[in-house]
PDB file of N, CA and C in Angstrom:
ATOM      1  N   GLY A   1      -0.947 -28.773   2.529  1.00  0.00           N
ATOM      2  CA  GLY A   1      -0.172 -29.399   1.847  1.00  0.00           C
ATOM      3  C   GLY A   1       0.172 -28.559   0.645  1.00  0.00           C
ATOM      4  N   SER A   2       0.420 -28.648  -0.632  1.00  0.00           N
ATOM      5  CA  SER A   2       1.211 -27.733  -1.804  1.00  0.00           C
ATOM      6  C   SER A   2      -0.139 -27.620  -2.957  1.00  0.00           C
ATOM      7  N   GLU A   3      -1.598 -27.409  -2.669  1.00  0.00           N
ATOM      8  CA  GLU A   3      -2.411 -27.439  -3.435  1.00  0.00           C
ATOM      9  C   GLU A   3      -3.131 -25.765  -2.885  1.00  0.00           C
ATOM     10  N   GLY A   4      -3.547 -24.860  -3.243  1.00  0.00           N
ATOM     11  CA  GLY A   4      -3.966 -24.300  -3.018  1.00  0.00           C
ATOM     12  C   GLY A   4      -5.581 -23.788  -2.836  1.00  0.00           C
ATOM     13  N   SER A   5      -5.947 -23.162  -1.611  1.00  0.00           N
ATOM     14  CA  SER A   5      -6.949 -23.209  -1.246  1.00  0.00           C
ATOM     15  C   SER A   5      -8.102 -22.044  -2.490  1.00  0.00           C
ATOM     16  N   PHE A   6      -9.382 -22.606  -2.650  1.00  0.00           N
ATOM     17  CA  PHE A   6     -10.447 -21.678  -2.962  1.00  0.00           C
ATOM     18  C   PHE A   6      -9.978 -19.767  -2.776  1.00  0.00           C
ATOM     19  N   PHE A   7      -9.147 -19.511  -1.519  1.00  0.00           N
ATOM     20  CA  PHE A   7      -9.782 -18.267  -0.959  1.00  0.00           C
ATOM     21  C   PHE A   7      -8.042 -17.881  -1.758  1.00  0.00           C
ATOM     22  N   GLN A   8      -7.410 -18.802  -1.733  1.00  0.00           N
ATOM     23  CA  GLN A   8      -6.301 -18.432  -2.147  1.00  0.00           C
ATOM     24  C   GLN A   8      -6.192 -18.006  -4.174  1.00  0.00           C
ATOM     25  N   MET A   9      -6.501 -18.602  -4.716  1.00  0.00           N
ATOM     26  CA  MET A   9      -6.664 -18.552  -5.751  1.00  0.00           C
ATOM     27  C   MET A   9      -7.459 -17.914  -6.523  1.00  0.00           C
ATOM     28  N   PHE A  10      -8.081 -17.085  -5.226  1.00  0.00           N
ATOM     29  CA  PHE A  10      -9.162 -16.319  -5.818  1.00  0.00           C
ATOM     30  C   PHE A  10      -8.722 -14.780  -5.033  1.00  0.00           C
ATOM     31  N   ALA A  11      -7.949 -14.582  -4.505  1.00  0.00           N
ATOM     32  CA  ALA A  11      -7.026 -13.629  -4.067  1.00  0.00           C
ATOM     33  C   ALA A  11      -5.807 -12.973  -5.525  1.00  0.00           C
ATOM     34  N   ILE A  12      -5.439 -14.211  -5.729  1.00  0.00           N
ATOM     35  CA  ILE A  12      -4.314 -13.965  -7.372  1.00  0.00           C
ATOM     36  C   ILE A  12      -5.211 -13.450  -8.731  1.00  0.00           C
ATOM     37  N   PHE A  13      -6.333 -14.163  -8.517  1.00  0.00           N
ATOM     38  CA  PHE A  13      -7.833 -13.862 -10.194  1.00  0.00           C
ATOM     39  C   PHE A  13      -8.014 -12.783  -9.585  1.00  0.00           C
ATOM     40  N   PHE A  14      -8.670 -12.606  -8.520  1.00  0.00           N
ATOM     41  CA  PHE A  14      -9.858 -11.259  -9.083  1.00  0.00           C
ATOM     42  C   PHE A  14      -9.265 -10.027  -8.912  1.00  0.00           C
ATOM     43  N   PRO A  15      -7.810  -9.588  -8.237  1.00  0.00           N
ATOM     44  CA  PRO A  15      -7.418  -8.506  -9.283  1.00  0.00           C
ATOM     45  C   PRO A  15      -7.252  -8.534 -10.979  1.00  0.00           C
ATOM     46  N   ALA A  16      -6.817  -9.502 -11.013  1.00  0.00           N
ATOM     47  CA  ALA A  16      -6.339  -9.878 -12.467  1.00  0.00           C
ATOM     48  C   ALA A  16      -7.437  -8.969 -13.421  1.00  0.00           C
ATOM     49  N   THR A  17      -8.416  -9.490 -12.922  1.00  0.00           N
ATOM     50  CA  THR A  17      -9.853  -9.434 -13.771  1.00  0.00           C
ATOM     51  C   THR A  17      -9.961  -8.502 -13.661  1.00  0.00           C
ATOM     52  N   THR A  18     -10.189  -8.157 -12.424  1.00  0.00           N
ATOM     53  CA  THR A  18     -10.995  -6.804 -12.250  1.00  0.00           C
ATOM     54  C   THR A  18     -10.324  -5.622 -12.673  1.00  0.00           C
ATOM     55  N   GLY A  19      -8.947  -5.373 -13.003  1.00  0.00           N
ATOM     56  CA  GLY A  19      -7.899  -4.434 -13.834  1.00  0.00           C
ATOM     57  C   GLY A  19      -8.498  -4.363 -14.641  1.00  0.00           C
ATOM     58  N   ILE A  20      -8.551  -5.090 -15.941  1.00  0.00           N
ATOM     59  CA  ILE A  20      -8.863  -4.886 -17.338  1.00  0.00           C
ATOM     60  C   ILE A  20     -10.288  -4.998 -17.212  1.00  0.00           C
ATOM     61  N   LEU A  21     -11.027  -5.609 -16.775  1.00  0.00           N
ATOM     62  CA  LEU A  21     -12.142  -5.097 -16.887  1.00  0.00           C
ATOM     63  C   LEU A  21     -12.966  -3.609 -16.489  1.00  0.00           C
ATOM     64  N   SER A  22     -12.110  -3.039 -15.497  1.00  0.00           N
ATOM     65  CA  SER A  22     -12.279  -1.239 -15.625  1.00  0.00           C
ATOM     66  C   SER A  22     -12.168  -0.605 -16.505  1.00  0.00           C
ATOM     67  N   GLY A  23     -11.714  -0.397 -17.681  1.00  0.00           N
ATOM     68  CA  GLY A  23     -11.784   0.180 -18.777  1.00  0.00           C
ATOM     69  C   GLY A  23     -13.000  -0.285 -19.220  1.00  0.00           C
ATOM     70  N   ALA A  24     -13.968  -0.639 -18.817  1.00  0.00           N
ATOM     71  CA  ALA A  24     -15.447  -0.669 -19.116  1.00  0.00           C
ATOM     72  C   ALA A  24     -16.350   0.344 -18.628  1.00  0.00           C
ATOM     73  N   ASN A  25     -15.977   0.689 -17.821  1.00  0.00           N
ATOM     74  CA  ASN A  25     -16.812   1.022 -16.518  1.00  0.00           C
ATOM     75  C   ASN A  25     -16.873   2.438 -17.341  1.00  0.00           C
ATOM     76  N   ILE A  26     -16.101   3.212 -18.078  1.00  0.00           N
ATOM     77  CA  ILE A  26     -15.993   4.612 -18.788  1.00  0.00           C
ATOM     78  C   ILE A  26     -16.276   4.714 -20.232  1.00  0.00           C
ATOM     79  N   SER A  27     -17.377   3.815 -20.492  1.00  0.00           N
ATOM     80  CA  SER A  27     -17.510   3.384 -22.030  1.00  0.00           C
ATOM     81  C   SER A  27     -18.757   5.161 -22.081  1.00  0.00           C
ATOM     82  N   GLY A  28     -18.698   5.923 -21.498  1.00  0.00           N
ATOM     83  CA  GLY A  28     -19.782   6.191 -20.899  1.00  0.00           C
ATOM     84  C   GLY A  28     -19.219   7.430 -21.846  1.00  0.00           C
ATOM     85  N   ASP A  29     -17.718   8.377 -21.324  1.00  0.00           N
ATOM     86  CA  ASP A  29     -17.047   8.900 -21.536  1.00  0.00           C
ATOM     87  C   ASP A  29     -16.378   9.393 -22.903  1.00  0.00           C
ATOM     88  N   LEU A  30     -16.252   7.826 -23.580  1.00  0.00           N
ATOM     89  CA  LEU A  30     -15.239   7.318 -24.905  1.00  0.00           C
ATOM     90  C   LEU A  30     -16.973   7.582 -26.380  1.00  0.00           C
ATOM     91  N   LYS A  31     -15.735   8.361 -27.075  1.00  0.00           N
ATOM     92  CA  LYS A  31     -16.565   8.021 -28.128  1.00  0.00           C
ATOM     93  C   LYS A  31     -17.213   7.217 -29.302  1.00  0.00           C
ATOM     94  N   ASP A  32     -16.389   6.164 -29.180  1.00  0.00           N
ATOM     95  CA  ASP A  32     -16.898   5.164 -30.209  1.00  0.00           C
ATOM     96  C   ASP A  32     -16.294   4.035 -28.997  1.00  0.00           C
ATOM     97  N   PRO A  33     -17.116   3.646 -28.456  1.00  0.00           N
ATOM     98  CA  PRO A  33     -17.148   2.513 -26.844  1.00  0.00           C
ATOM     99  C   PRO A  33     -17.117   1.425 -27.667  1.00  0.00           C
ATOM    100  N   ALA A  34     -17.534   1.013 -28.673  1.00  0.00           N
ATOM    101  CA  ALA A  34     -18.069  -0.254 -29.715  1.00  0.00           C
ATOM    102  C   ALA A  34     -16.505  -0.542 -29.954  1.00  0.00           C
ATOM    103  N   THR A  35     -16.001   0.278 -30.591  1.00  0.00           N
ATOM    104  CA  THR A  35     -14.398   0.120 -30.780  1.00  0.00           C
ATOM    105  C   THR A  35     -13.136   0.123 -29.691  1.00  0.00           C
ATOM    106  N   ALA A  36     -13.466   1.264 -29.421  1.00  0.00           N
ATOM    107  CA  ALA A  36     -12.270   1.464 -27.966  1.00  0.00           C
ATOM    108  C   ALA A  36     -11.835   0.647 -26.948  1.00  0.00           C
ATOM    109  N   ILE A  37     -13.538   0.595 -26.379  1.00  0.00           N
ATOM    110  CA  ILE A  37     -13.576  -0.788 -25.694  1.00  0.00           C
ATOM    111  C   ILE A  37     -12.355  -2.261 -25.781  1.00  0.00           C
ATOM    112  N   PRO A  38     -12.895  -2.922 -26.680  1.00  0.00           N
ATOM    113  CA  PRO A  38     -12.210  -4.088 -27.044  1.00  0.00           C
ATOM    114  C   PRO A  38     -10.227  -4.237 -27.667  1.00  0.00           C
ATOM    115  N   LYS A  39     -10.463  -2.920 -28.131  1.00  0.00           N
ATOM    116  CA  LYS A  39      -8.933  -2.478 -28.478  1.00  0.00           C
ATOM    117  C   LYS A  39      -8.171  -2.085 -27.161  1.00  0.00           C
ATOM    118  N   GLY A  40      -8.612  -1.185 -26.921  1.00  0.00           N
ATOM    119  CA  GLY A  40      -8.197  -0.877 -25.127  1.00  0.00           C
ATOM    120  C   GLY A  40      -7.964  -2.033 -23.919  1.00  0.00           C
ATOM    121  N   THR A  41      -8.822  -3.363 -24.057  1.00  0.00           N
ATOM    122  CA  THR A  41      -8.540  -4.512 -23.509  1.00  0.00           C
ATOM    123  C   THR A  41      -7.881  -4.910 -23.699  1.00  0.00           C
ATOM    124  N   LEU A  42      -7.642  -5.761 -25.696  1.00  0.00           N
ATOM    125  CA  LEU A  42      -6.322  -6.274 -25.902  1.00  0.00           C
ATOM    126  C   LEU A  42      -4.948  -5.240 -26.182  1.00  0.00           C
ATOM    127  N   MET A  43      -5.115  -4.469 -26.132  1.00  0.00           N
ATOM    128  CA  MET A  43      -3.609  -3.916 -25.934  1.00  0.00           C
ATOM    129  C   MET A  43      -3.664  -3.703 -24.155  1.00  0.00           C
ATOM    130  N   ALA A  44      -4.208  -3.550 -22.643  1.00  0.00           N
ATOM    131  CA  ALA A  44      -4.087  -3.895 -21.716  1.00  0.00           C
ATOM    132  C   ALA A  44      -3.575  -5.491 -21.487  1.00  0.00           C
ATOM    133  N   ILE A  45      -3.849  -6.661 -22.357  1.00  0.00           N
ATOM    134  CA  ILE A  45      -3.737  -7.639 -21.849  1.00  0.00           C
ATOM    135  C   ILE A  45      -2.135  -8.081 -22.998  1.00  0.00           C
ATOM    136  N   PHE A  46      -1.738  -7.296 -23.611  1.00  0.00           N
ATOM    137  CA  PHE A  46      -0.747  -7.533 -24.229  1.00  0.00           C
ATOM    138  C   PHE A  46       0.760  -6.455 -23.247  1.00  0.00           C
ATOM    139  N   TRP A  47      -0.070  -5.629 -23.531  1.00  0.00           N
ATOM    140  CA  TRP A  47       1.329  -5.096 -22.531  1.00  0.00           C
ATOM    141  C   TRP A  47       1.299  -5.892 -21.143  1.00  0.00           C
ATOM    142  N   THR A  48       0.439  -5.710 -20.144  1.00  0.00           N
ATOM    143  CA  THR A  48       0.808  -7.186 -19.014  1.00  0.00           C
ATOM    144  C   THR A  48       1.402  -8.198 -19.888  1.00  0.00           C
ATOM    145  N   THR A  49       1.363  -8.639 -20.128  1.00  0.00           N
ATOM    146  CA  THR A  49       1.374 -10.103 -21.098  1.00  0.00           C
ATOM    147  C   THR A  49       3.160  -9.832 -20.864  1.00  0.00           C
ATOM    148  N   ILE A  50       3.618  -8.824 -21.461  1.00  0.00           N
ATOM    149  CA  ILE A  50       4.937  -8.562 -22.163  1.00  0.00           C
ATOM    150  C   ILE A  50       5.661  -7.783 -20.937  1.00  0.00           C
ATOM    151  N   THR A  51       4.967  -7.284 -20.315  1.00  0.00           N
ATOM    152  CA  THR A  51       5.397  -6.908 -18.930  1.00  0.00           C
ATOM    153  C   THR A  51       5.938  -8.007 -17.734  1.00  0.00           C
ATOM    154  N   TYR A  52       4.928  -8.968 -17.623  1.00  0.00           N
ATOM    155  CA  TYR A  52       5.330 -10.592 -16.763  1.00  0.00           C
ATOM    156  C   TYR A  52       6.090 -10.993 -17.751  1.00  0.00           C
ATOM    157  N   LEU A  53       6.142 -10.846 -18.778  1.00  0.00           N
ATOM    158  CA  LEU A  53       7.410 -11.908 -19.362  1.00  0.00           C
ATOM    159  C   LEU A  53       9.014 -11.177 -19.124  1.00  0.00           C
ATOM    160  N   LEU A  54       9.039 -10.018 -19.485  1.00  0.00           N
ATOM    161  CA  LEU A  54      10.540  -9.134 -18.731  1.00  0.00           C
ATOM    162  C   LEU A  54      10.480  -9.616 -17.305  1.00  0.00           C
ATOM    163  N   ILE A  55       9.912  -9.147 -16.601  1.00  0.00           N
ATOM    164  CA  ILE A  55      10.064  -9.067 -15.568  1.00  0.00           C
ATOM    165  C   ILE A  55      11.041 -10.713 -14.592  1.00  0.00           C
ATOM    166  N   SER A  56      10.026 -11.835 -15.303  1.00  0.00           N
ATOM    167  CA  SER A  56      10.074 -13.217 -15.121  1.00  0.00           C
ATOM    168  C   SER A  56      11.237 -13.511 -16.118  1.00  0.00           C
ATOM    169  N   VAL A  57      11.850 -13.026 -17.260  1.00  0.00           N
ATOM    170  CA  VAL A  57      13.272 -13.407 -17.415  1.00  0.00           C
ATOM    171  C   VAL A  57      14.086 -12.640 -16.831  1.00  0.00           C
ATOM    172  N   THR A  58      13.831 -11.485 -16.415  1.00  0.00           N
ATOM    173  CA  THR A  58      14.867 -10.323 -15.400  1.00  0.00           C
ATOM    174  C   THR A  58      15.292 -11.575 -14.419  1.00  0.00           C
ATOM    175  N   ALA A  59      14.248 -11.361 -13.614  1.00  0.00           N
ATOM    176  CA  ALA A  59      14.935 -12.054 -12.541  1.00  0.00           C
ATOM    177  C   ALA A  59      14.857 -13.626 -12.345  1.00  0.00           C
ATOM    178  N   GLY A  60      14.964 -14.091 -13.673  1.00  0.00           N
ATOM    179  CA  GLY A  60      15.249 -15.466 -13.584  1.00  0.00           C
ATOM    180  C   GLY A  60      17.179 -15.215 -14.402  1.00  0.00           C
ATOM    181  N   ALA A  61      17.707 -14.292 -14.968  1.00  0.00           N
ATOM    182  CA  ALA A  61      18.734 -13.918 -15.207  1.00  0.00           C
ATOM    183  C   ALA A  61      19.359 -13.768 -14.136  1.00  0.00           C
ATOM    184  N   CYS A  62      19.050 -12.947 -13.430  1.00  0.00           N
ATOM    185  CA  CYS A  62      20.234 -13.107 -12.400  1.00  0.00           C
ATOM    186  C   CYS A  62      20.455 -13.971 -10.910  1.00  0.00           C
ATOM    187  N   VAL A  63      20.080 -15.088 -11.374  1.00  0.00           N
ATOM    188  CA  VAL A  63      19.323 -15.846 -10.370  1.00  0.00           C
ATOM    189  C   VAL A  63      20.830 -16.928 -10.738  1.00  0.00           C
ATOM    190  N   VAL A  64      21.936 -17.156  -9.894  1.00  0.00           N
ATOM    191  CA  VAL A  64      22.791 -18.093 -10.498  1.00  0.00           C
ATOM    192  C   VAL A  64      22.894 -19.668 -10.609  1.00  0.00           C
ATOM    193  N   ARG A  65      22.928 -20.343 -11.457  1.00  0.00           N
ATOM    194  CA  ARG A  65      22.195 -21.898 -11.446  1.00  0.00           C
ATOM    195  C   ARG A  65      23.591 -22.943 -11.419  1.00  0.00           C
ATOM    196  N   ASP A  66      23.866 -23.079  -9.958  1.00  0.00           N
ATOM    197  CA  ASP A  66      24.339 -24.088  -8.936  1.00  0.00           C
ATOM    198  C   ASP A  66      23.861 -25.038  -8.720  1.00  0.00           C
ATOM    199  N   ALA A  67      23.986 -26.276  -8.978  1.00  0.00           N
ATOM    200  CA  ALA A  67      23.484 -27.198  -8.327  1.00  0.00           C
ATOM    201  C   ALA A  67      24.024 -28.069  -7.085  1.00  0.00           C
ATOM    202  N   SER A  68      25.040 -27.623  -6.819  1.00  0.00           N
ATOM    203  CA  SER A  68      25.773 -28.233  -5.565  1.00  0.00           C
ATOM    204  C   SER A  68      25.289 -27.623  -4.413  1.00  0.00           C
TER     205      SER A  68
END
């Protein structure tokens, strides 16, 4: 049917969360991890959102809207 299975949703969700959380793994290398990790995580979410929106708008602008 049109509904996705658990594994289909997991295949999309898992890489999306591990990419952002991977920044926390370098906390030992940072001078001030309490400030840098939240700032870096929010910046990663912001730029990822902007990138996805730009790709969506660009792809949508390239599609011909013809009803017939």
